[in-house]
Amino acid sequence: MVEDLQVECVDKTEQINKLVRQLSTLPSANSISFDFSNPNSAGDARIHLLRVKEQLAAYGKQVEDSIHEAEQLCNDGADALSPEQFHALKEAQFQLRSTYKQLTSHTDAILARSVILFFLLLPLLLILLEILFRGNDEDDPLF
């Protein structure tokens, strides 16, 4: 029983650390750039952010389950695990929770900002489209 808990602890720690590494390789919200000369830039960035959000959401259940299982293992095996094993599992659990929370919070914040940017650029886009489709009228003060 003690050995089983110790093996399970090592396996769970490795599994959680692997999950943290996987999350770290996802495209991040930081990789988005805005080209203010391109009217589609804000929309493209929003689409990219929504994809990142979907990828993070796909990991949500696995992250939640891993955190819960680690907590349960720490509770069940507190007396059977070595202090090093216990702390390694707790550290992995903390790292997973904080990494996932940071990624989702950051993505949500940038997504909200992209909506604001889109609405700020929309009037400019409409003005540009009006100018382009209105044609060159020599009596128009804009030309």
Protein backbone atom coordinates (compact mmCIF):
# COMPACT_ATOMS: atom_id res chain seq x y z
CA MET A 1 0.00 0.00 0.00
CA VAL A 2 2.76 2.48 0.94
CA GLU A 3 4.79 1.60 -2.14
CA ASP A 4 1.70 1.90 -4.34
CA LEU A 5 1.04 5.41 -3.04
CA GLN A 6 4.67 6.38 -3.56
CA VAL A 7 4.64 5.09 -7.15
CA GLU A 8 1.33 6.81 -7.78
CA CYS A 9 2.76 10.04 -6.37
CA VAL A 10 5.80 9.92 -8.66
CA ASP A 11 3.61 9.11 -11.68
CA LYS A 12 1.14 11.89 -10.87
CA THR A 13 3.96 14.41 -10.38
CA GLU A 14 5.45 13.46 -13.76
CA GLN A 15 2.02 13.62 -15.43
CA ILE A 16 1.33 17.08 -13.99
CA ASN A 17 4.78 18.36 -15.00
CA LYS A 18 4.16 17.05 -18.53
CA LEU A 19 0.82 18.86 -18.62
CA VAL A 20 2.49 22.10 -17.52
CA ARG A 21 5.02 21.71 -20.36
CA GLN A 22 2.20 21.10 -22.85
CA LEU A 23 0.39 24.22 -21.71
CA SER A 24 3.61 26.19 -22.05
CA THR A 25 3.90 25.21 -25.72
CA LEU A 26 0.44 26.49 -26.67
CA PRO A 27 0.39 29.61 -28.79
CA SER A 28 0.01 32.47 -26.40
CA ALA A 29 -1.90 35.68 -26.48
CA ASN A 30 1.49 37.43 -26.44
CA SER A 31 2.23 36.19 -29.96
CA ILE A 32 -0.43 38.46 -31.44
CA SER A 33 0.55 41.62 -33.19
CA PHE A 34 -1.65 44.41 -34.47
CA ASP A 35 -0.98 46.06 -37.80
CA PHE A 36 -2.76 49.37 -37.58
CA SER A 37 -2.40 49.90 -41.33
CA ASN A 38 -4.47 46.75 -41.95
CA PRO A 39 -8.15 47.16 -41.11
CA ASN A 40 -8.53 43.38 -40.73
CA SER A 41 -5.79 43.16 -38.12
CA ALA A 42 -8.06 43.52 -35.09
CA GLY A 43 -10.48 40.92 -36.44
CA ASP A 44 -7.66 38.51 -37.27
CA ALA A 45 -6.19 38.98 -33.80
CA ARG A 46 -9.57 38.29 -32.23
CA ILE A 47 -9.92 35.07 -34.23
CA HIS A 48 -6.43 34.00 -33.11
CA LEU A 49 -7.28 34.79 -29.48
CA LEU A 50 -10.49 32.78 -29.69
CA ARG A 51 -8.49 29.81 -30.99
CA VAL A 52 -6.04 30.14 -28.09
CA LYS A 53 -8.99 30.31 -25.69
CA GLU A 54 -10.47 27.15 -27.25
CA GLN A 55 -7.16 25.32 -26.88
CA LEU A 56 -6.93 26.31 -23.24
CA ALA A 57 -10.54 25.28 -22.63
CA ALA A 58 -9.78 21.88 -24.13
CA TYR A 59 -7.24 21.36 -21.34
CA GLY A 60 -9.63 22.59 -18.62
CA LYS A 61 -11.09 19.25 -17.56
CA GLN A 62 -7.69 17.56 -17.59
CA VAL A 63 -6.18 20.36 -15.50
CA GLU A 64 -9.05 20.29 -13.03
CA ASP A 65 -8.89 16.48 -12.71
CA SER A 66 -5.12 16.50 -12.25
CA ILE A 67 -5.29 19.12 -9.52
CA HIS A 68 -8.06 17.23 -7.74
CA GLU A 69 -6.25 13.88 -8.03
CA ALA A 70 -3.02 15.40 -6.69
CA GLU A 71 -4.91 16.91 -3.76
CA GLN A 72 -6.56 13.57 -3.03
CA LEU A 73 -3.23 11.75 -3.23
CA CYS A 74 -1.63 14.25 -0.85
CA ASN A 75 -4.49 13.77 1.60
CA ASP A 76 -4.51 9.97 1.33
CA GLY A 77 -0.76 9.54 1.30
CA ALA A 78 0.39 12.23 3.69
CA ASP A 79 1.81 9.61 6.09
CA ALA A 80 3.09 7.23 3.40
CA LEU A 81 4.87 9.70 1.11
CA SER A 82 8.34 10.99 1.81
CA PRO A 83 8.53 14.73 2.46
CA GLU A 84 10.30 15.14 -0.89
CA GLN A 85 7.55 13.28 -2.76
CA PHE A 86 4.80 15.16 -0.97
CA HIS A 87 6.38 18.56 -1.66
CA ALA A 88 7.21 17.69 -5.28
CA LEU A 89 3.57 16.76 -5.89
CA LYS A 90 2.30 19.88 -4.12
CA GLU A 91 4.72 22.04 -6.13
CA ALA A 92 3.64 20.42 -9.41
CA GLN A 93 0.00 20.94 -8.44
CA PHE A 94 0.65 24.60 -7.62
CA GLN A 95 2.60 25.10 -10.87
CA LEU A 96 -0.21 23.59 -12.93
CA ARG A 97 -2.89 25.65 -11.23
CA SER A 98 -0.96 28.91 -11.54
CA THR A 99 0.17 28.29 -15.15
CA TYR A 100 -3.35 27.49 -16.31
CA LYS A 101 -4.88 30.40 -14.41
CA GLN A 102 -2.27 32.81 -15.75
CA LEU A 103 -2.74 31.67 -19.35
CA THR A 104 -6.52 31.85 -19.22
CA SER A 105 -6.60 35.21 -17.39
CA HIS A 106 -4.07 36.74 -19.77
CA THR A 107 -5.91 35.46 -22.83
CA ASP A 108 -9.25 36.73 -21.53
CA ALA A 109 -7.77 40.17 -20.77
CA ILE A 110 -6.21 40.53 -24.21
CA LEU A 111 -9.39 39.24 -25.84
CA ALA A 112 -11.35 41.98 -24.08
CA ARG A 113 -8.82 44.56 -25.25
CA SER A 114 -9.07 43.28 -28.81
CA VAL A 115 -12.81 43.93 -28.76
CA ILE A 116 -12.17 47.50 -27.66
CA LEU A 117 -9.51 47.90 -30.35
CA PHE A 118 -11.87 46.54 -32.98
CA PHE A 119 -14.56 49.05 -32.05
CA LEU A 120 -12.03 51.88 -32.02
CA LEU A 121 -10.80 50.94 -35.50
CA LEU A 122 -14.26 50.32 -36.95
CA PRO A 123 -15.10 54.02 -37.54
CA LEU A 124 -11.73 54.48 -39.25
CA LEU A 125 -12.44 51.50 -41.48
CA LEU A 126 -15.87 52.87 -42.37
CA ILE A 127 -14.37 56.26 -43.27
CA LEU A 128 -11.76 54.59 -45.46
CA LEU A 129 -14.39 52.49 -47.20
CA GLU A 130 -16.54 55.55 -47.80
CA ILE A 131 -13.61 57.40 -49.32
CA LEU A 132 -12.69 54.45 -51.53
CA PHE A 133 -16.20 53.84 -52.82
CA ARG A 134 -17.23 57.46 -53.14
CA GLY A 135 -14.73 58.04 -55.90
CA ASN A 136 -12.62 61.06 -56.65
CA ASP A 137 -14.91 64.07 -56.60
CA GLU A 138 -12.90 67.19 -57.29
CA ASP A 139 -15.42 69.33 -55.40
CA ASP A 140 -14.98 67.17 -52.31
CA PRO A 141 -12.73 68.86 -49.72
CA LEU A 142 -11.15 65.50 -48.86
CA PHE A 143 -9.55 65.30 -52.31
